[in-house]
Amino acid sequence: MQYVLLIHAEEVPGDIPSPEVAKQMSAPYAAYNEALIKAGALVSGERLQPTSNATIVRVRDGKTQVLDGPFAATKEQLGGFYVIEAPDLDAALNWAARCPTASNGTIEVRPVWPTR
């Protein structure tokens, strides 16, 4: 079964880490990615650009509205995701707990609804 791990973390506008800090922050993710790959669990995953680069699309009464984001009323924003293959929810939750952001953000786990 496939699950999506949605990575939510606090986004601080204008907070761009130095190259040294960025490298330090990415090391735990490199190890996590390698563990997912070795286990045959990784389907896909991507880091997302900041919400300041987001565009919101809504259709209301047949009219399309295109707005610059973000509009979420929360400090935590969606920063990335993984799609994983896991035998059951418990295994997916175990992978979520191992995600580096779980220690300072939130990992939302959702089963993927197959479209085929």
PDB file of N, CA and C in Angstrom:
ATOM      1  N   MET A   1       0.840  -1.175   0.000  1.00  0.00           N
ATOM      2  CA  MET A   1       0.000   0.000   0.000  1.00  0.00           C
ATOM      3  C   MET A   1       0.885   1.238   0.000  1.00  0.00           C
ATOM      4  N   GLN A   2       0.424   2.284  -0.668  1.00  0.00           N
ATOM      5  CA  GLN A   2       1.185   3.526  -0.692  1.00  0.00           C
ATOM      6  C   GLN A   2       0.619   4.520   0.310  1.00  0.00           C
ATOM      7  N   TYR A   3       1.533   5.267   0.917  1.00  0.00           N
ATOM      8  CA  TYR A   3       1.196   6.326   1.858  1.00  0.00           C
ATOM      9  C   TYR A   3       1.969   7.565   1.462  1.00  0.00           C
ATOM     10  N   VAL A   4       1.375   8.725   1.712  1.00  0.00           N
ATOM     11  CA  VAL A   4       2.099   9.973   1.517  1.00  0.00           C
ATOM     12  C   VAL A   4       2.432  10.520   2.896  1.00  0.00           C
ATOM     13  N   LEU A   5       3.677  10.936   3.048  1.00  0.00           N
ATOM     14  CA  LEU A   5       4.135  11.576   4.280  1.00  0.00           C
ATOM     15  C   LEU A   5       4.253  13.057   3.960  1.00  0.00           C
ATOM     16  N   LEU A   6       3.362  13.866   4.515  1.00  0.00           N
ATOM     17  CA  LEU A   6       3.355  15.303   4.265  1.00  0.00           C
ATOM     18  C   LEU A   6       4.156  15.987   5.373  1.00  0.00           C
ATOM     19  N   ILE A   7       5.186  16.694   4.989  1.00  0.00           N
ATOM     20  CA  ILE A   7       6.119  17.293   5.934  1.00  0.00           C
ATOM     21  C   ILE A   7       5.712  18.745   6.184  1.00  0.00           C
ATOM     22  N   HIS A   8       5.262  19.021   7.402  1.00  0.00           N
ATOM     23  CA  HIS A   8       4.850  20.365   7.789  1.00  0.00           C
ATOM     24  C   HIS A   8       5.858  20.915   8.791  1.00  0.00           C
ATOM     25  N   ALA A   9       6.331  22.140   8.530  1.00  0.00           N
ATOM     26  CA  ALA A   9       7.271  22.776   9.448  1.00  0.00           C
ATOM     27  C   ALA A   9       7.016  24.270   9.455  1.00  0.00           C
ATOM     28  N   GLU A  10       7.465  24.915  10.514  1.00  0.00           N
ATOM     29  CA  GLU A  10       7.300  26.361  10.593  1.00  0.00           C
ATOM     30  C   GLU A  10       8.167  27.014   9.523  1.00  0.00           C
ATOM     31  N   GLU A  11       7.571  27.933   8.814  1.00  0.00           N
ATOM     32  CA  GLU A  11       8.275  28.638   7.753  1.00  0.00           C
ATOM     33  C   GLU A  11       8.502  30.074   8.216  1.00  0.00           C
ATOM     34  N   VAL A  12       9.766  30.474   8.287  1.00  0.00           N
ATOM     35  CA  VAL A  12      10.102  31.826   8.702  1.00  0.00           C
ATOM     36  C   VAL A  12      10.465  32.625   7.453  1.00  0.00           C
ATOM     37  N   PRO A  13       9.625  33.605   7.074  1.00  0.00           N
ATOM     38  CA  PRO A  13       9.901  34.374   5.863  1.00  0.00           C
ATOM     39  C   PRO A  13      11.284  35.013   5.897  1.00  0.00           C
ATOM     40  N   GLY A  14      12.000  34.903   4.788  1.00  0.00           N
ATOM     41  CA  GLY A  14      13.320  35.507   4.673  1.00  0.00           C
ATOM     42  C   GLY A  14      14.421  34.742   5.376  1.00  0.00           C
ATOM     43  N   ASP A  15      14.081  33.632   6.021  1.00  0.00           N
ATOM     44  CA  ASP A  15      15.077  32.850   6.749  1.00  0.00           C
ATOM     45  C   ASP A  15      15.731  31.858   5.791  1.00  0.00           C
ATOM     46  N   ILE A  16      16.771  32.296   5.101  1.00  0.00           N
ATOM     47  CA  ILE A  16      17.495  31.442   4.159  1.00  0.00           C
ATOM     48  C   ILE A  16      18.801  31.029   4.825  1.00  0.00           C
ATOM     49  N   PRO A  17      18.971  29.718   5.059  1.00  0.00           N
ATOM     50  CA  PRO A  17      20.183  29.274   5.756  1.00  0.00           C
ATOM     51  C   PRO A  17      21.437  29.466   4.899  1.00  0.00           C
ATOM     52  N   SER A  18      22.552  29.668   5.577  1.00  0.00           N
ATOM     53  CA  SER A  18      23.836  29.761   4.883  1.00  0.00           C
ATOM     54  C   SER A  18      24.133  28.412   4.235  1.00  0.00           C
ATOM     55  N   PRO A  19      25.042  28.362   3.254  1.00  0.00           N
ATOM     56  CA  PRO A  19      25.384  27.073   2.628  1.00  0.00           C
ATOM     57  C   PRO A  19      25.854  26.021   3.639  1.00  0.00           C
ATOM     58  N   GLU A  20      26.581  26.449   4.660  1.00  0.00           N
ATOM     59  CA  GLU A  20      27.064  25.503   5.676  1.00  0.00           C
ATOM     60  C   GLU A  20      25.899  24.925   6.484  1.00  0.00           C
ATOM     61  N   VAL A  21      24.977  25.792   6.882  1.00  0.00           N
ATOM     62  CA  VAL A  21      23.822  25.349   7.659  1.00  0.00           C
ATOM     63  C   VAL A  21      22.914  24.481   6.787  1.00  0.00           C
ATOM     64  N   ALA A  22      22.734  24.862   5.531  1.00  0.00           N
ATOM     65  CA  ALA A  22      21.905  24.068   4.616  1.00  0.00           C
ATOM     66  C   ALA A  22      22.483  22.665   4.451  1.00  0.00           C
ATOM     67  N   LYS A  23      23.804  22.570   4.325  1.00  0.00           N
ATOM     68  CA  LYS A  23      24.447  21.254   4.192  1.00  0.00           C
ATOM     69  C   LYS A  23      24.246  20.439   5.464  1.00  0.00           C
ATOM     70  N   GLN A  24      24.378  21.094   6.606  1.00  0.00           N
ATOM     71  CA  GLN A  24      24.177  20.425   7.902  1.00  0.00           C
ATOM     72  C   GLN A  24      22.738  19.936   8.037  1.00  0.00           C
ATOM     73  N   MET A  25      21.771  20.746   7.577  1.00  0.00           N
ATOM     74  CA  MET A  25      20.359  20.378   7.660  1.00  0.00           C
ATOM     75  C   MET A  25      20.015  19.237   6.711  1.00  0.00           C
ATOM     76  N   SER A  26      20.704  19.141   5.581  1.00  0.00           N
ATOM     77  CA  SER A  26      20.365  18.127   4.589  1.00  0.00           C
ATOM     78  C   SER A  26      20.966  16.758   4.905  1.00  0.00           C
ATOM     79  N   ALA A  27      21.980  16.696   5.749  1.00  0.00           N
ATOM     80  CA  ALA A  27      22.625  15.417   6.072  1.00  0.00           C
ATOM     81  C   ALA A  27      21.640  14.392   6.657  1.00  0.00           C
ATOM     82  N   PRO A  28      20.790  14.763   7.627  1.00  0.00           N
ATOM     83  CA  PRO A  28      19.835  13.773   8.144  1.00  0.00           C
ATOM     84  C   PRO A  28      18.856  13.291   7.070  1.00  0.00           C
ATOM     85  N   TYR A  29      18.478  14.175   6.149  1.00  0.00           N
ATOM     86  CA  TYR A  29      17.581  13.772   5.071  1.00  0.00           C
ATOM     87  C   TYR A  29      18.272  12.831   4.095  1.00  0.00           C
ATOM     88  N   ALA A  30      19.550  13.044   3.845  1.00  0.00           N
ATOM     89  CA  ALA A  30      20.289  12.129   2.968  1.00  0.00           C
ATOM     90  C   ALA A  30      20.298  10.728   3.572  1.00  0.00           C
ATOM     91  N   ALA A  31      20.501  10.635   4.877  1.00  0.00           N
ATOM     92  CA  ALA A  31      20.502   9.334   5.560  1.00  0.00           C
ATOM     93  C   ALA A  31      19.098   8.722   5.528  1.00  0.00           C
ATOM     94  N   TYR A  32      18.078   9.535   5.751  1.00  0.00           N
ATOM     95  CA  TYR A  32      16.693   9.064   5.720  1.00  0.00           C
ATOM     96  C   TYR A  32      16.334   8.562   4.322  1.00  0.00           C
ATOM     97  N   ASN A  33      16.702   9.343   3.310  1.00  0.00           N
ATOM     98  CA  ASN A  33      16.454   8.926   1.925  1.00  0.00           C
ATOM     99  C   ASN A  33      17.120   7.595   1.633  1.00  0.00           C
ATOM    100  N   GLU A  34      18.358   7.446   2.058  1.00  0.00           N
ATOM    101  CA  GLU A  34      19.096   6.198   1.819  1.00  0.00           C
ATOM    102  C   GLU A  34      18.414   5.019   2.516  1.00  0.00           C
ATOM    103  N   ALA A  35      17.917   5.230   3.729  1.00  0.00           N
ATOM    104  CA  ALA A  35      17.220   4.156   4.453  1.00  0.00           C
ATOM    105  C   ALA A  35      15.942   3.755   3.710  1.00  0.00           C
ATOM    106  N   LEU A  36      15.185   4.745   3.213  1.00  0.00           N
ATOM    107  CA  LEU A  36      13.974   4.445   2.450  1.00  0.00           C
ATOM    108  C   LEU A  36      14.309   3.658   1.178  1.00  0.00           C
ATOM    109  N   ILE A  37      15.362   4.074   0.486  1.00  0.00           N
ATOM    110  CA  ILE A  37      15.769   3.405  -0.753  1.00  0.00           C
ATOM    111  C   ILE A  37      16.207   1.970  -0.460  1.00  0.00           C
ATOM    112  N   LYS A  38      17.055   1.796   0.563  1.00  0.00           N
ATOM    113  CA  LYS A  38      17.541   0.450   0.913  1.00  0.00           C
ATOM    114  C   LYS A  38      16.392  -0.491   1.267  1.00  0.00           C
ATOM    115  N   ALA A  39      15.363   0.040   1.914  1.00  0.00           N
ATOM    116  CA  ALA A  39      14.216  -0.776   2.324  1.00  0.00           C
ATOM    117  C   ALA A  39      13.242  -1.013   1.173  1.00  0.00           C
ATOM    118  N   GLY A  40      13.469  -0.360   0.042  1.00  0.00           N
ATOM    119  CA  GLY A  40      12.552  -0.493  -1.087  1.00  0.00           C
ATOM    120  C   GLY A  40      11.233   0.221  -0.842  1.00  0.00           C
ATOM    121  N   ALA A  41      11.231   1.196   0.069  1.00  0.00           N
ATOM    122  CA  ALA A  41       9.995   1.884   0.444  1.00  0.00           C
ATOM    123  C   ALA A  41       9.772   3.190  -0.313  1.00  0.00           C
ATOM    124  N   LEU A  42      10.833   3.789  -0.851  1.00  0.00           N
ATOM    125  CA  LEU A  42      10.691   5.092  -1.487  1.00  0.00           C
ATOM    126  C   LEU A  42      10.058   4.973  -2.865  1.00  0.00           C
ATOM    127  N   VAL A  43       8.934   5.657  -3.061  1.00  0.00           N
ATOM    128  CA  VAL A  43       8.299   5.765  -4.377  1.00  0.00           C
ATOM    129  C   VAL A  43       8.726   7.087  -5.000  1.00  0.00           C
ATOM    130  N   SER A  44       8.563   8.187  -4.254  1.00  0.00           N
ATOM    131  CA  SER A  44       9.011   9.505  -4.708  1.00  0.00           C
ATOM    132  C   SER A  44       9.016  10.465  -3.525  1.00  0.00           C
ATOM    133  N   GLY A  45       9.573  11.616  -3.730  1.00  0.00           N
ATOM    134  CA  GLY A  45       9.580  12.642  -2.702  1.00  0.00           C
ATOM    135  C   GLY A  45      10.232  13.896  -3.234  1.00  0.00           C
ATOM    136  N   GLU A  46       9.775  15.016  -2.741  1.00  0.00           N
ATOM    137  CA  GLU A  46      10.322  16.294  -3.172  1.00  0.00           C
ATOM    138  C   GLU A  46      10.220  17.316  -2.051  1.00  0.00           C
ATOM    139  N   ARG A  47      11.163  18.239  -2.068  1.00  0.00           N
ATOM    140  CA  ARG A  47      11.109  19.400  -1.197  1.00  0.00           C
ATOM    141  C   ARG A  47      10.389  20.498  -1.969  1.00  0.00           C
ATOM    142  N   LEU A  48       9.577  21.284  -1.293  1.00  0.00           N
ATOM    143  CA  LEU A  48       8.835  22.350  -1.949  1.00  0.00           C
ATOM    144  C   LEU A  48       9.470  23.705  -1.679  1.00  0.00           C
ATOM    145  N   GLN A  49       9.332  24.611  -2.641  1.00  0.00           N
ATOM    146  CA  GLN A  49       9.798  25.976  -2.445  1.00  0.00           C
ATOM    147  C   GLN A  49       8.905  26.654  -1.414  1.00  0.00           C
ATOM    148  N   PRO A  50       9.354  27.786  -0.848  1.00  0.00           N
ATOM    149  CA  PRO A  50       8.574  28.474   0.185  1.00  0.00           C
ATOM    150  C   PRO A  50       7.184  28.896  -0.308  1.00  0.00           C
ATOM    151  N   THR A  51       6.274  29.078   0.628  1.00  0.00           N
ATOM    152  CA  THR A  51       4.916  29.475   0.281  1.00  0.00           C
ATOM    153  C   THR A  51       4.874  30.845  -0.386  1.00  0.00           C
ATOM    154  N   SER A  52       5.909  31.646  -0.219  1.00  0.00           N
ATOM    155  CA  SER A  52       5.948  32.951  -0.886  1.00  0.00           C
ATOM    156  C   SER A  52       5.988  32.779  -2.407  1.00  0.00           C
ATOM    157  N   ASN A  53       6.355  31.597  -2.880  1.00  0.00           N
ATOM    158  CA  ASN A  53       6.370  31.298  -4.322  1.00  0.00           C
ATOM    159  C   ASN A  53       5.107  30.584  -4.779  1.00  0.00           C
ATOM    160  N   ALA A  54       4.142  30.410  -3.883  1.00  0.00           N
ATOM    161  CA  ALA A  54       2.923  29.664  -4.208  1.00  0.00           C
ATOM    162  C   ALA A  54       1.905  30.545  -4.920  1.00  0.00           C
ATOM    163  N   THR A  55       1.068  29.907  -5.702  1.00  0.00           N
ATOM    164  CA  THR A  55      -0.062  30.560  -6.348  1.00  0.00           C
ATOM    165  C   THR A  55      -1.302  29.737  -6.029  1.00  0.00           C
ATOM    166  N   ILE A  56      -2.360  30.410  -5.645  1.00  0.00           N
ATOM    167  CA  ILE A  56      -3.608  29.755  -5.273  1.00  0.00           C
ATOM    168  C   ILE A  56      -4.591  29.890  -6.435  1.00  0.00           C
ATOM    169  N   VAL A  57      -5.247  28.796  -6.805  1.00  0.00           N
ATOM    170  CA  VAL A  57      -6.264  28.813  -7.856  1.00  0.00           C
ATOM    171  C   VAL A  57      -7.575  28.340  -7.245  1.00  0.00           C
ATOM    172  N   ARG A  58      -8.631  29.138  -7.453  1.00  0.00           N
ATOM    173  CA  ARG A  58      -9.965  28.784  -6.990  1.00  0.00           C
ATOM    174  C   ARG A  58     -10.949  29.075  -8.122  1.00  0.00           C
ATOM    175  N   VAL A  59     -11.980  28.269  -8.211  1.00  0.00           N
ATOM    176  CA  VAL A  59     -13.065  28.552  -9.153  1.00  0.00           C
ATOM    177  C   VAL A  59     -14.331  28.735  -8.320  1.00  0.00           C
ATOM    178  N   ARG A  60     -14.908  29.922  -8.420  1.00  0.00           N
ATOM    179  CA  ARG A  60     -16.119  30.263  -7.684  1.00  0.00           C
ATOM    180  C   ARG A  60     -17.138  30.817  -8.670  1.00  0.00           C
ATOM    181  N   ASP A  61     -18.318  30.248  -8.656  1.00  0.00           N
ATOM    182  CA  ASP A  61     -19.387  30.693  -9.559  1.00  0.00           C
ATOM    183  C   ASP A  61     -18.910  30.735 -11.008  1.00  0.00           C
ATOM    184  N   GLY A  62     -18.106  29.735 -11.384  1.00  0.00           N
ATOM    185  CA  GLY A  62     -17.630  29.626 -12.757  1.00  0.00           C
ATOM    186  C   GLY A  62     -16.487  30.563 -13.113  1.00  0.00           C
ATOM    187  N   LYS A  63     -16.005  31.363 -12.161  1.00  0.00           N
ATOM    188  CA  LYS A  63     -14.908  32.296 -12.430  1.00  0.00           C
ATOM    189  C   LYS A  63     -13.646  31.831 -11.733  1.00  0.00           C
ATOM    190  N   THR A  64     -12.556  31.824 -12.484  1.00  0.00           N
ATOM    191  CA  THR A  64     -11.271  31.406 -11.940  1.00  0.00           C
ATOM    192  C   THR A  64     -10.598  32.577 -11.244  1.00  0.00           C
ATOM    193  N   GLN A  65     -10.158  32.337 -10.017  1.00  0.00           N
ATOM    194  CA  GLN A  65      -9.399  33.333  -9.254  1.00  0.00           C
ATOM    195  C   GLN A  65      -7.985  32.808  -9.099  1.00  0.00           C
ATOM    196  N   VAL A  66      -7.014  33.628  -9.446  1.00  0.00           N
ATOM    197  CA  VAL A  66      -5.607  33.269  -9.272  1.00  0.00           C
ATOM    198  C   VAL A  66      -5.015  34.284  -8.306  1.00  0.00           C
ATOM    199  N   LEU A  67      -4.512  33.776  -7.166  1.00  0.00           N
ATOM    200  CA  LEU A  67      -4.014  34.638  -6.100  1.00  0.00           C
ATOM    201  C   LEU A  67      -2.621  34.202  -5.684  1.00  0.00           C
ATOM    202  N   ASP A  68      -1.787  35.159  -5.332  1.00  0.00           N
ATOM    203  CA  ASP A  68      -0.490  34.813  -4.765  1.00  0.00           C
ATOM    204  C   ASP A  68      -0.706  34.316  -3.355  1.00  0.00           C
ATOM    205  N   GLY A  69       0.027  33.268  -2.959  1.00  0.00           N
ATOM    206  CA  GLY A  69      -0.141  32.682  -1.634  1.00  0.00           C
ATOM    207  C   GLY A  69       0.804  33.331  -0.649  1.00  0.00           C
ATOM    208  N   PRO A  70       0.875  32.839   0.550  1.00  0.00           N
ATOM    209  CA  PRO A  70       0.071  31.764   1.141  1.00  0.00           C
ATOM    210  C   PRO A  70      -1.163  32.309   1.842  1.00  0.00           C
ATOM    211  N   PHE A  71      -2.107  31.425   2.095  1.00  0.00           N
ATOM    212  CA  PHE A  71      -3.332  31.817   2.773  1.00  0.00           C
ATOM    213  C   PHE A  71      -3.655  30.917   3.957  1.00  0.00           C
ATOM    214  N   ALA A  72      -2.790  29.997   4.299  1.00  0.00           N
ATOM    215  CA  ALA A  72      -3.054  29.103   5.426  1.00  0.00           C
ATOM    216  C   ALA A  72      -2.955  29.886   6.739  1.00  0.00           C
ATOM    217  N   ALA A  73      -3.886  29.638   7.640  1.00  0.00           N
ATOM    218  CA  ALA A  73      -3.893  30.306   8.940  1.00  0.00           C
ATOM    219  C   ALA A  73      -3.176  29.436   9.960  1.00  0.00           C
ATOM    220  N   THR A  74      -1.928  29.132   9.681  1.00  0.00           N
ATOM    221  CA  THR A  74      -1.141  28.280  10.565  1.00  0.00           C
ATOM    222  C   THR A  74       0.323  28.649  10.431  1.00  0.00           C
ATOM    223  N   LYS A  75       1.108  28.404  11.482  1.00  0.00           N
ATOM    224  CA  LYS A  75       2.536  28.679  11.394  1.00  0.00           C
ATOM    225  C   LYS A  75       3.243  27.614  10.563  1.00  0.00           C
ATOM    226  N   GLU A  76       2.762  26.375  10.646  1.00  0.00           N
ATOM    227  CA  GLU A  76       3.400  25.297   9.898  1.00  0.00           C
ATOM    228  C   GLU A  76       2.877  25.263   8.469  1.00  0.00           C
ATOM    229  N   GLN A  77       3.775  25.099   7.524  1.00  0.00           N
ATOM    230  CA  GLN A  77       3.423  25.029   6.109  1.00  0.00           C
ATOM    231  C   GLN A  77       3.926  23.707   5.538  1.00  0.00           C
ATOM    232  N   LEU A  78       3.319  23.287   4.450  1.00  0.00           N
ATOM    233  CA  LEU A  78       3.762  22.077   3.755  1.00  0.00           C
ATOM    234  C   LEU A  78       5.099  22.380   3.090  1.00  0.00           C
ATOM    235  N   GLY A  79       6.125  21.664   3.498  1.00  0.00           N
ATOM    236  CA  GLY A  79       7.471  21.918   2.990  1.00  0.00           C
ATOM    237  C   GLY A  79       7.988  20.846   2.061  1.00  0.00           C
ATOM    238  N   GLY A  80       7.318  19.705   2.029  1.00  0.00           N
ATOM    239  CA  GLY A  80       7.750  18.618   1.167  1.00  0.00           C
ATOM    240  C   GLY A  80       6.918  17.385   1.430  1.00  0.00           C
ATOM    241  N   PHE A  81       7.250  16.336   0.700  1.00  0.00           N
ATOM    242  CA  PHE A  81       6.481  15.105   0.846  1.00  0.00           C
ATOM    243  C   PHE A  81       7.304  13.909   0.387  1.00  0.00           C
ATOM    244  N   TYR A  82       6.904  12.766   0.865  1.00  0.00           N
ATOM    245  CA  TYR A  82       7.390  11.474   0.389  1.00  0.00           C
ATOM    246  C   TYR A  82       6.182  10.632   0.054  1.00  0.00           C
ATOM    247  N   VAL A  83       6.265   9.860  -0.990  1.00  0.00           N
ATOM    248  CA  VAL A  83       5.302   8.793  -1.249  1.00  0.00           C
ATOM    249  C   VAL A  83       6.080   7.515  -0.995  1.00  0.00           C
ATOM    250  N   ILE A  84       5.565   6.698  -0.092  1.00  0.00           N
ATOM    251  CA  ILE A  84       6.270   5.475   0.279  1.00  0.00           C
ATOM    252  C   ILE A  84       5.376   4.263   0.071  1.00  0.00           C
ATOM    253  N   GLU A  85       6.011   3.132  -0.013  1.00  0.00           N
ATOM    254  CA  GLU A  85       5.340   1.832  -0.081  1.00  0.00           C
ATOM    255  C   GLU A  85       5.534   1.197   1.294  1.00  0.00           C
ATOM    256  N   ALA A  86       4.443   0.814   1.941  1.00  0.00           N
ATOM    257  CA  ALA A  86       4.522   0.194   3.263  1.00  0.00           C
ATOM    258  C   ALA A  86       3.443  -0.882   3.364  1.00  0.00           C
ATOM    259  N   PRO A  87       3.728  -1.957   4.098  1.00  0.00           N
ATOM    260  CA  PRO A  87       2.754  -3.037   4.196  1.00  0.00           C
ATOM    261  C   PRO A  87       1.484  -2.665   4.949  1.00  0.00           C
ATOM    262  N   ASP A  88       1.598  -1.671   5.870  1.00  0.00           N
ATOM    263  CA  ASP A  88       0.430  -1.276   6.651  1.00  0.00           C
ATOM    264  C   ASP A  88       0.672   0.087   7.284  1.00  0.00           C
ATOM    265  N   LEU A  89      -0.352   0.617   7.943  1.00  0.00           N
ATOM    266  CA  LEU A  89      -0.254   1.936   8.558  1.00  0.00           C
ATOM    267  C   LEU A  89       0.836   1.983   9.620  1.00  0.00           C
ATOM    268  N   ASP A  90       0.979   0.931  10.411  1.00  0.00           N
ATOM    269  CA  ASP A  90       2.014   0.933  11.449  1.00  0.00           C
ATOM    270  C   ASP A  90       3.404   1.118  10.854  1.00  0.00           C
ATOM    271  N   ALA A  91       3.676   0.468   9.740  1.00  0.00           N
ATOM    272  CA  ALA A  91       4.975   0.619   9.092  1.00  0.00           C
ATOM    273  C   ALA A  91       5.149   2.041   8.553  1.00  0.00           C
ATOM    274  N   ALA A  92       4.078   2.606   7.987  1.00  0.00           N
ATOM    275  CA  ALA A  92       4.137   3.983   7.490  1.00  0.00           C
ATOM    276  C   ALA A  92       4.378   4.964   8.636  1.00  0.00           C
ATOM    277  N   LEU A  93       3.723   4.725   9.773  1.00  0.00           N
ATOM    278  CA  LEU A  93       3.931   5.587  10.936  1.00  0.00           C
ATOM    279  C   LEU A  93       5.357   5.485  11.452  1.00  0.00           C
ATOM    280  N   ASN A  94       5.940   4.309  11.377  1.00  0.00           N
ATOM    281  CA  ASN A  94       7.329   4.132  11.781  1.00  0.00           C
ATOM    282  C   ASN A  94       8.252   4.967  10.885  1.00  0.00           C
ATOM    283  N   TRP A  95       8.012   4.925   9.570  1.00  0.00           N
ATOM    284  CA  TRP A  95       8.808   5.754   8.654  1.00  0.00           C
ATOM    285  C   TRP A  95       8.607   7.237   8.952  1.00  0.00           C
ATOM    286  N   ALA A  96       7.381   7.638   9.240  1.00  0.00           N
ATOM    287  CA  ALA A  96       7.106   9.045   9.553  1.00  0.00           C
ATOM    288  C   ALA A  96       7.873   9.489  10.791  1.00  0.00           C
ATOM    289  N   ALA A  97       7.930   8.646  11.802  1.00  0.00           N
ATOM    290  CA  ALA A  97       8.642   8.976  13.031  1.00  0.00           C
ATOM    291  C   ALA A  97      10.141   9.118  12.804  1.00  0.00           C
ATOM    292  N   ARG A  98      10.655   8.442  11.792  1.00  0.00           N
ATOM    293  CA  ARG A  98      12.085   8.509  11.478  1.00  0.00           C
ATOM    294  C   ARG A  98      12.447   9.726  10.624  1.00  0.00           C
ATOM    295  N   CYS A  99      11.459  10.403  10.053  1.00  0.00           N
ATOM    296  CA  CYS A  99      11.707  11.574   9.217  1.00  0.00           C
ATOM    297  C   CYS A  99      12.324  12.679  10.087  1.00  0.00           C
ATOM    298  N   PRO A 100      13.407  13.317   9.627  1.00  0.00           N
ATOM    299  CA  PRO A 100      14.063  14.337  10.453  1.00  0.00           C
ATOM    300  C   PRO A 100      13.146  15.448  10.953  1.00  0.00           C
ATOM    301  N   THR A 101      12.168  15.875  10.191  1.00  0.00           N
ATOM    302  CA  THR A 101      11.286  16.959  10.626  1.00  0.00           C
ATOM    303  C   THR A 101      10.337  16.537  11.738  1.00  0.00           C
ATOM    304  N   ALA A 102      10.172  15.246  11.960  1.00  0.00           N
ATOM    305  CA  ALA A 102       9.272  14.786  13.031  1.00  0.00           C
ATOM    306  C   ALA A 102       9.713  15.323  14.396  1.00  0.00           C
ATOM    307  N   SER A 103      10.998  15.637  14.550  1.00  0.00           N
ATOM    308  CA  SER A 103      11.491  16.110  15.845  1.00  0.00           C
ATOM    309  C   SER A 103      11.194  17.590  16.100  1.00  0.00           C
ATOM    310  N   ASN A 104      10.844  18.354  15.051  1.00  0.00           N
ATOM    311  CA  ASN A 104      10.553  19.768  15.286  1.00  0.00           C
ATOM    312  C   ASN A 104       9.378  20.298  14.453  1.00  0.00           C
ATOM    313  N   GLY A 105       8.710  19.411  13.726  1.00  0.00           N
ATOM    314  CA  GLY A 105       7.564  19.783  12.903  1.00  0.00           C
ATOM    315  C   GLY A 105       6.504  18.706  13.021  1.00  0.00           C
ATOM    316  N   THR A 106       5.759  18.520  11.962  1.00  0.00           N
ATOM    317  CA  THR A 106       4.683  17.534  11.959  1.00  0.00           C
ATOM    318  C   THR A 106       4.737  16.736  10.670  1.00  0.00           C
ATOM    319  N   ILE A 107       4.581  15.425  10.776  1.00  0.00           N
ATOM    320  CA  ILE A 107       4.492  14.567   9.601  1.00  0.00           C
ATOM    321  C   ILE A 107       3.069  14.011   9.561  1.00  0.00           C
ATOM    322  N   GLU A 108       2.348  14.366   8.515  1.00  0.00           N
ATOM    323  CA  GLU A 108       0.988  13.866   8.326  1.00  0.00           C
ATOM    324  C   GLU A 108       1.075  12.637   7.426  1.00  0.00           C
ATOM    325  N   VAL A 109       0.469  11.554   7.842  1.00  0.00           N
ATOM    326  CA  VAL A 109       0.502  10.295   7.086  1.00  0.00           C
ATOM    327  C   VAL A 109      -0.897  10.034   6.529  1.00  0.00           C
ATOM    328  N   ARG A 110      -0.965   9.845   5.216  1.00  0.00           N
ATOM    329  CA  ARG A 110      -2.260   9.542   4.594  1.00  0.00           C
ATOM    330  C   ARG A 110      -2.108   8.402   3.596  1.00  0.00           C
ATOM    331  N   PRO A 111      -3.045   7.462   3.636  1.00  0.00           N
ATOM    332  CA  PRO A 111      -3.038   6.428   2.600  1.00  0.00           C
ATOM    333  C   PRO A 111      -3.352   7.080   1.250  1.00  0.00           C
ATOM    334  N   VAL A 112      -2.708   6.597   0.204  1.00  0.00           N
ATOM    335  CA  VAL A 112      -2.974   7.078  -1.140  1.00  0.00           C
ATOM    336  C   VAL A 112      -4.197   6.350  -1.670  1.00  0.00           C
ATOM    337  N   TRP A 113      -5.117   7.069  -2.241  1.00  0.00           N
ATOM    338  CA  TRP A 113      -6.308   6.494  -2.831  1.00  0.00           C
ATOM    339  C   TRP A 113      -5.984   6.185  -4.283  1.00  0.00           C
ATOM    340  N   PRO A 114      -5.853   4.919  -4.625  1.00  0.00           N
ATOM    341  CA  PRO A 114      -5.468   4.573  -5.998  1.00  0.00           C
ATOM    342  C   PRO A 114      -6.459   5.118  -7.022  1.00  0.00           C
ATOM    343  N   THR A 115      -5.922   5.653  -8.120  1.00  0.00           N
ATOM    344  CA  THR A 115      -6.785   6.193  -9.171  1.00  0.00           C
ATOM    345  C   THR A 115      -6.978   5.204 -10.298  1.00  0.00           C
ATOM    346  N   ARG A 116      -6.291   4.093 -10.256  1.00  0.00           N
ATOM    347  CA  ARG A 116      -6.449   3.074 -11.290  1.00  0.00           C
ATOM    348  C   ARG A 116      -7.072   1.833 -10.724  1.00  0.00           C
TER     349      ARG A 116
END
